[in-house]
């Protein structure tokens, strides 16, 4: 780091540019998969509450399983497969 105000300004500008590149280069699928992984891992549960964490994980996994089963059943009823 430098004490020069211009150097500090350029450094802040460079960091901002790197953050924009990182954000803009993220793929849609990668971003969605990351959010889904955080959602199903229960990352939004309160800290230190293991029951809440595992309850969210189990509930979200069962809901995903339910959606898959219902989609299969709908496809079977419509004679798609």
Protein backbone atom coordinates (compact mmCIF):
# COMPACT_ATOMS: atom_id res chain seq x y z
CA UNK A 1 0.00 0.00 0.00
CA UNK A 2 1.12 3.48 -0.69
CA UNK A 3 0.44 6.78 1.09
CA UNK A 4 -0.02 8.50 -2.25
CA UNK A 5 -3.70 9.51 -2.69
CA UNK A 6 -3.52 8.76 -6.42
CA UNK A 7 -2.10 5.31 -5.67
CA UNK A 8 -4.86 4.55 -3.17
CA UNK A 9 -7.45 5.74 -5.66
CA UNK A 10 -6.01 3.57 -8.42
CA UNK A 11 -5.86 0.60 -6.07
CA UNK A 12 -9.53 1.02 -5.11
CA UNK A 13 -10.45 1.38 -8.78
CA UNK A 14 -8.52 -1.78 -9.66
CA UNK A 15 -10.23 -3.76 -6.88
CA UNK A 16 -13.63 -2.55 -8.06
CA UNK A 17 -12.80 -3.58 -11.63
CA UNK A 18 -11.73 -7.05 -10.47
CA UNK A 19 -14.97 -7.47 -8.51
CA UNK A 20 -17.01 -6.49 -11.60
CA UNK A 21 -15.12 -8.99 -13.74
CA UNK A 22 -15.65 -11.73 -11.15
CA UNK A 23 -19.37 -10.94 -10.86
CA UNK A 24 -19.95 -10.61 -14.61
CA UNK A 25 -17.99 -13.71 -15.58
CA UNK A 26 -20.04 -15.97 -13.32
CA UNK A 27 -22.17 -18.30 -15.39
CA UNK A 28 -25.89 -18.55 -14.87
CA UNK A 29 -25.72 -22.28 -14.20
CA UNK A 30 -22.82 -21.92 -11.77
CA UNK A 31 -24.58 -19.16 -9.90
CA UNK A 32 -27.83 -21.13 -9.72
CA UNK A 33 -26.09 -24.29 -8.58
CA UNK A 34 -24.26 -22.38 -5.87
CA UNK A 35 -27.49 -20.84 -4.57
CA UNK A 36 -29.24 -24.23 -4.70
CA UNK A 37 -26.41 -25.88 -2.76
CA UNK A 38 -26.61 -23.17 -0.09
CA UNK A 39 -30.40 -23.52 0.04
CA UNK A 40 -30.41 -27.29 0.46
CA UNK A 41 -27.56 -27.23 2.99
CA UNK A 42 -29.64 -25.01 5.28
CA UNK A 43 -27.12 -22.17 5.24
CA UNK A 44 -29.87 -19.74 6.26
CA UNK A 45 -30.54 -21.53 9.58
CA UNK A 46 -29.69 -19.67 12.79
CA UNK A 47 -26.16 -20.25 14.08
CA UNK A 48 -25.85 -22.85 16.80
CA UNK A 49 -29.29 -24.37 16.24
CA UNK A 50 -28.52 -27.87 14.98
CA UNK A 51 -32.15 -29.03 15.13
CA UNK A 52 -33.26 -26.14 12.91
CA UNK A 53 -30.38 -26.80 10.52
CA UNK A 54 -31.16 -30.50 10.11
CA UNK A 55 -34.89 -29.84 10.00
CA UNK A 56 -34.38 -27.49 7.06
CA UNK A 57 -32.07 -29.94 5.29
CA UNK A 58 -34.48 -32.85 5.71
CA UNK A 59 -37.55 -30.80 4.78
CA UNK A 60 -35.99 -29.34 1.67
CA UNK A 61 -34.68 -32.72 0.54
CA UNK A 62 -38.11 -34.30 1.02
CA UNK A 63 -39.75 -31.47 -0.91
CA UNK A 64 -37.34 -31.98 -3.81
CA UNK A 65 -38.06 -35.70 -3.75
CA UNK A 66 -41.80 -34.92 -3.76
CA UNK A 67 -41.45 -32.67 -6.81
CA UNK A 68 -39.54 -35.39 -8.68
CA UNK A 69 -42.16 -38.02 -7.81
CA UNK A 70 -45.04 -35.74 -8.81
CA UNK A 71 -43.31 -34.87 -12.11
CA UNK A 72 -42.82 -38.57 -12.82
CA UNK A 73 -46.46 -39.29 -11.94
CA UNK A 74 -47.70 -36.49 -14.21
CA UNK A 75 -45.56 -37.79 -17.06
CA UNK A 76 -46.89 -41.28 -16.48
CA UNK A 77 -50.51 -40.05 -16.47
CA UNK A 78 -49.96 -38.09 -19.67
CA UNK A 79 -48.29 -41.14 -21.21
CA UNK A 80 -45.07 -39.22 -21.84
CA UNK A 81 -43.15 -42.23 -20.53
